[in-house]
Protein backbone atom coordinates (compact mmCIF):
# COMPACT_ATOMS: atom_id res chain seq x y z
CA MET A 1 14.52 -7.43 -23.57
CA TYR A 2 13.91 -6.58 -19.88
CA PHE A 3 15.99 -4.22 -17.81
CA ARG A 4 16.64 -4.47 -14.07
CA TRP A 5 15.41 -0.90 -13.64
CA SER A 6 11.85 -1.81 -14.58
CA PHE A 7 11.52 -4.16 -11.59
CA TYR A 8 13.53 -2.19 -9.07
CA SER A 9 10.64 -2.07 -6.60
CA LEU A 10 7.17 -3.64 -6.43
CA SER A 11 4.16 -3.30 -4.13
CA LEU A 12 1.91 -6.17 -3.11
CA SER A 13 -1.67 -5.66 -1.93
CA VAL A 14 -4.96 -7.56 -1.74
CA GLY A 15 -8.66 -6.90 -2.28
CA GLY A 16 -11.73 -9.02 -1.55
CA PHE A 17 -14.60 -10.69 -3.40
CA ASN A 18 -16.80 -11.53 -0.39
CA TYR A 19 -20.53 -10.87 -0.89
CA TYR A 20 -20.06 -10.78 -4.68
CA ASN A 21 -21.03 -14.44 -5.36
CA SER A 22 -17.51 -15.22 -6.51
CA THR A 23 -15.79 -18.58 -6.02
CA LYS A 24 -12.59 -16.62 -5.38
CA LYS A 25 -12.10 -14.80 -2.09
CA CYS A 26 -9.11 -12.55 -2.80
CA LEU A 27 -7.56 -10.50 -5.59
CA HIS A 28 -3.80 -10.10 -5.14
CA LEU A 29 -2.36 -7.03 -6.86
CA ILE A 30 1.32 -6.46 -7.65
CA ILE A 31 2.29 -3.01 -8.93
CA GLY A 32 5.61 -1.85 -10.37
CA HIS A 33 6.64 1.48 -8.82
CA GLU A 34 8.68 2.61 -11.82
CA THR A 35 6.18 1.63 -14.53
CA ARG A 36 2.80 1.46 -12.69
CA TYR A 37 2.27 -1.87 -14.44
CA VAL A 38 -0.27 -4.03 -12.58
CA TRP A 39 -0.55 -7.81 -12.26
CA ALA A 40 -3.68 -9.36 -10.72
CA PHE A 41 -4.04 -12.89 -9.31
CA ALA A 42 -7.36 -14.26 -8.01
CA SER A 43 -7.29 -16.90 -5.27
CA LYS A 44 -9.36 -18.54 -2.56
CA SER A 45 -7.06 -17.58 0.32
CA GLU A 46 -4.43 -15.08 1.47
CA THR A 47 -1.87 -17.39 3.04
CA THR A 48 1.91 -17.15 2.83
CA GLU A 49 1.90 -19.90 0.21
CA THR A 50 -0.65 -18.01 -1.91
CA TYR A 51 1.43 -14.83 -1.91
CA ALA A 52 4.60 -16.79 -2.67
CA ASN A 53 2.95 -18.53 -5.64
CA CYS A 54 1.85 -15.18 -7.09
CA LEU A 55 5.35 -13.77 -6.78
CA LYS A 56 6.94 -16.89 -8.26
CA GLN A 57 4.96 -16.32 -11.46
CA LEU A 58 6.18 -12.74 -11.60
CA PHE A 59 9.77 -13.67 -10.75
CA GLN A 60 9.83 -15.77 -13.94
CA ILE A 61 9.83 -12.45 -15.81
CA GLN A 62 12.30 -10.66 -13.56
CA ILE A 63 13.28 -10.56 -9.89
CA PRO A 64 12.88 -7.15 -8.20
CA ILE A 65 15.25 -5.57 -5.71
CA LYS A 66 12.60 -4.37 -3.24
CA LEU A 67 9.06 -5.45 -2.33
CA LEU A 68 6.73 -3.16 -0.38
CA THR A 69 3.92 -4.85 1.60
CA ASP A 70 1.59 -4.09 4.47
CA ARG A 71 1.84 -5.85 7.83
CA ASN A 72 -0.48 -8.73 6.97
CA GLY A 73 0.44 -11.77 9.06
CA ALA A 74 1.07 -13.88 5.96
CA LEU A 75 3.50 -11.25 4.66
CA THR A 76 5.42 -10.83 7.92
CA SER A 77 5.76 -14.54 8.67
CA SER A 78 9.20 -16.12 8.90
CA ARG A 79 8.29 -18.40 6.00
CA PHE A 80 7.54 -15.48 3.67
CA LYS A 81 10.70 -13.64 4.72
CA ARG A 82 12.72 -16.79 4.03
CA PHE A 83 11.08 -17.04 0.59
CA LEU A 84 12.19 -13.49 -0.27
CA ARG A 85 15.71 -14.08 1.03
CA ASN A 86 16.05 -17.01 -1.35
CA TYR A 87 15.51 -14.54 -4.21
CA ASN A 88 17.62 -11.76 -2.61
CA VAL A 89 14.59 -9.47 -2.45
CA LYS A 90 14.50 -6.82 0.29
CA GLN A 91 11.11 -6.47 1.96
CA LEU A 92 9.78 -3.10 3.15
CA THR A 93 6.67 -2.96 5.33
CA THR A 94 4.54 0.01 6.24
CA SER A 95 1.35 0.77 8.11
CA HIS A 96 -1.56 1.66 5.85
CA HIS A 97 -1.20 5.16 4.40
CA PRO A 98 -2.11 5.44 0.68
CA GLN A 99 -0.04 7.78 -1.48
CA THR A 100 -0.40 8.97 -5.08
CA ASN A 101 2.24 9.48 -7.74
CA VAL A 102 2.38 9.88 -11.52
CA THR A 103 4.75 9.20 -14.42
CA LYS A 104 2.80 10.68 -17.39
CA PHE A 105 3.58 7.52 -19.39
CA PRO A 106 1.52 4.36 -20.02
CA PRO A 107 2.75 1.46 -17.83
CA ALA A 108 3.29 -0.77 -20.88
CA CYS A 109 5.53 1.90 -22.41
CA LEU A 110 7.80 2.00 -19.35
CA LEU A 111 7.92 -1.77 -18.82
CA PHE A 112 7.96 -3.23 -22.33
CA GLY A 113 8.80 -0.24 -24.52
CA THR A 114 5.48 -0.59 -26.37
CA LEU A 115 2.24 1.38 -26.38
CA PRO A 116 -1.12 -0.15 -25.42
CA TYR A 117 -2.62 1.29 -28.61
CA THR A 118 -1.61 1.76 -32.22
CA PRO A 119 -0.74 5.00 -34.11
CA PRO A 120 -1.66 7.53 -35.33
CA LEU A 121 -1.08 9.70 -32.27
CA ALA A 122 -1.64 13.40 -31.94
CA GLN A 123 1.52 15.48 -32.20
CA ASN A 124 1.55 16.19 -28.45
CA GLN A 125 1.20 12.48 -27.66
CA VAL A 126 4.42 11.27 -29.29
CA TYR A 127 6.56 9.62 -26.63
CA PRO A 128 10.37 9.78 -26.45
CA PRO A 129 12.62 6.72 -26.85
CA PHE A 130 12.25 3.89 -24.33
CA GLU A 131 15.18 4.68 -22.01
CA GLU A 132 14.54 8.43 -22.15
CA ALA A 133 10.89 7.83 -21.19
CA ARG A 134 12.00 5.93 -18.10
CA ILE A 135 14.31 8.75 -17.02
CA LEU A 136 11.54 11.31 -17.53
CA ALA A 137 9.08 9.09 -15.65
CA LYS A 138 11.40 9.03 -12.65
CA GLU A 139 11.82 12.81 -12.78
CA ASN A 140 8.04 13.31 -13.05
CA THR A 141 7.49 11.02 -10.07
CA ILE A 142 9.98 12.95 -7.92
CA LYS A 143 8.42 16.30 -8.93
CA TYR A 144 4.95 15.02 -8.08
CA HIS A 145 6.13 13.75 -4.69
CA GLU A 146 7.66 17.16 -3.94
CA LYS A 147 4.43 18.88 -4.98
CA ASN A 148 2.40 16.61 -2.68
CA LYS A 149 4.86 17.24 0.16
CA ILE A 150 4.36 21.01 -0.10
CA LYS A 151 0.57 20.57 0.02
CA TYR A 152 0.78 18.12 2.92
CA ASP A 153 3.20 20.24 4.96
CA ALA A 154 0.95 23.29 4.55
CA ARG A 155 -1.90 21.45 6.33
CA PHE A 156 0.17 19.28 8.65
CA ILE A 157 -0.56 19.52 12.37
CA ASP A 158 1.95 17.90 14.67
CA SER A 159 0.47 14.84 16.36
CA PRO A 160 -0.63 15.48 19.95
CA PHE A 161 -0.62 11.79 20.89
CA GLU A 162 1.59 10.50 23.66
CA PRO A 163 1.97 7.06 25.29
CA GLY A 164 -1.05 6.44 27.49
CA ASP A 165 -3.48 8.48 25.38
CA ILE A 166 -6.77 6.85 24.36
CA VAL A 167 -7.62 6.83 20.65
CA ILE A 168 -9.95 5.27 18.10
CA TYR A 169 -8.71 3.69 14.87
CA GLU A 170 -10.09 4.32 11.38
CA GLU A 171 -10.59 0.89 9.83
CA PHE A 172 -9.41 0.22 6.30
CA ASN A 173 -12.16 0.49 3.69
CA TYR A 174 -11.89 -3.01 2.23
CA PRO A 175 -13.89 -3.64 -0.97
CA ASN A 176 -15.93 -6.35 0.78
CA ARG A 177 -16.82 -4.25 3.82
CA ARG A 178 -20.56 -3.93 4.41
CA LYS A 179 -22.20 -0.52 4.05
CA LEU A 180 -23.12 -0.21 7.74
CA SER A 181 -19.84 -1.51 9.13
CA PRO A 182 -18.34 0.86 11.75
CA ILE A 183 -15.79 3.29 10.34
CA PHE A 184 -13.83 3.41 13.60
CA SER A 185 -12.93 0.77 16.16
CA GLY A 186 -11.67 1.10 19.71
CA PRO A 187 -10.95 2.70 22.04
CA TYR A 188 -7.29 1.73 22.24
CA GLU A 189 -4.34 3.00 24.22
CA ILE A 190 -1.14 4.40 22.72
CA ALA A 191 1.54 1.92 23.81
CA GLN A 192 4.49 3.82 22.38
CA LYS A 193 5.47 6.40 19.78
CA LEU A 194 7.65 4.75 17.13
CA SER A 195 8.20 7.83 14.94
CA ASP A 196 6.60 11.14 14.04
CA VAL A 197 3.89 9.29 12.10
CA ASN A 198 3.74 5.73 13.47
CA TYR A 199 2.34 4.59 16.81
CA GLU A 200 1.96 1.24 18.50
CA ILE A 201 -1.58 0.85 19.88
CA THR A 202 -3.28 -1.85 21.95
CA LYS A 203 -5.29 -3.13 18.99
CA PRO A 204 -4.99 -6.94 18.73
CA ASN A 205 -3.80 -8.26 15.37
CA ALA A 206 -6.07 -11.16 14.41
CA LEU A 207 -3.57 -12.62 11.94
CA THR A 208 -0.31 -12.40 13.87
CA LYS A 209 -2.01 -12.83 17.28
CA ASN A 210 0.05 -9.93 18.58
CA PRO A 211 -1.63 -7.86 21.32
CA THR A 212 -0.64 -4.60 19.60
CA GLU A 213 -0.71 -3.08 16.12
CA ILE A 214 1.32 -0.36 14.39
CA ALA A 215 -0.90 2.47 13.14
CA GLN A 216 -0.26 5.54 11.01
CA VAL A 217 -1.16 8.81 12.70
CA SER A 218 -3.63 9.72 9.94
CA LYS A 219 -5.72 6.70 10.99
CA LEU A 220 -5.99 7.77 14.64
CA ARG A 221 -8.46 10.11 16.35
CA ALA A 222 -8.65 11.24 19.96
CA TYR A 223 -11.27 9.31 21.95
CA TYR A 224 -13.81 11.13 24.11
CA PRO A 225 -15.93 9.02 26.52
CA PRO A 226 -19.72 9.44 26.07
CA GLU A 227 -20.09 10.90 29.57
CA GLU A 228 -17.81 13.78 28.58
CA LEU A 229 -19.88 14.73 25.53
CA LYS A 230 -22.44 17.50 25.98
CA LEU A 231 -25.03 18.88 23.58
CA CYS A 232 -25.02 22.61 23.03
CA HIS A 233 -28.50 24.15 22.63
CA GLU A 234 -27.32 27.67 21.94
């Protein structure tokens, strides 16, 4: 028996197989936020239809309430949004900014109520009943988020960027990126400040063809022209 809680929210992401002699190009990953259960689908493309087909297979088990994705053109297209509306799934998008959380329970335990291994277990490894485990997992996740927030706030420096500033962008470390690929691209101009952590920069989006891109502040660095750099010999 499945419960709506287990599929309350999902995340969808993609990795690559380029340069690995694979007939497949992409690995689509869907992760359950409440259970950390992971589904993987290999494909030859990352089109709207490909993403929709992956989700259709998952929706046969249960339909989630929310789906978190990045701003990939295939995931922000009107066709994909229409697909989610047909299933009454709310889509949330975010600029790239990885986060970590923990439940202290195996994903299979939270999703199916079973363990991925057989007894005997050590005394300190005995898990509570199914529904109680889910409640504890949620509490553990909230506590871990609060712990991370305290650590982050202690080191947080308010962003100095303003519209018109010139910055460079830290490119995402895709699995298929070559070893000598540049870590940063740019320079780009800050078009506008959308929030305390998100900025619109003049970085063209190859998929959506938009002249700008939304970037998380942790991915931005101030740009200094070469002529302004000086070597110190002291």
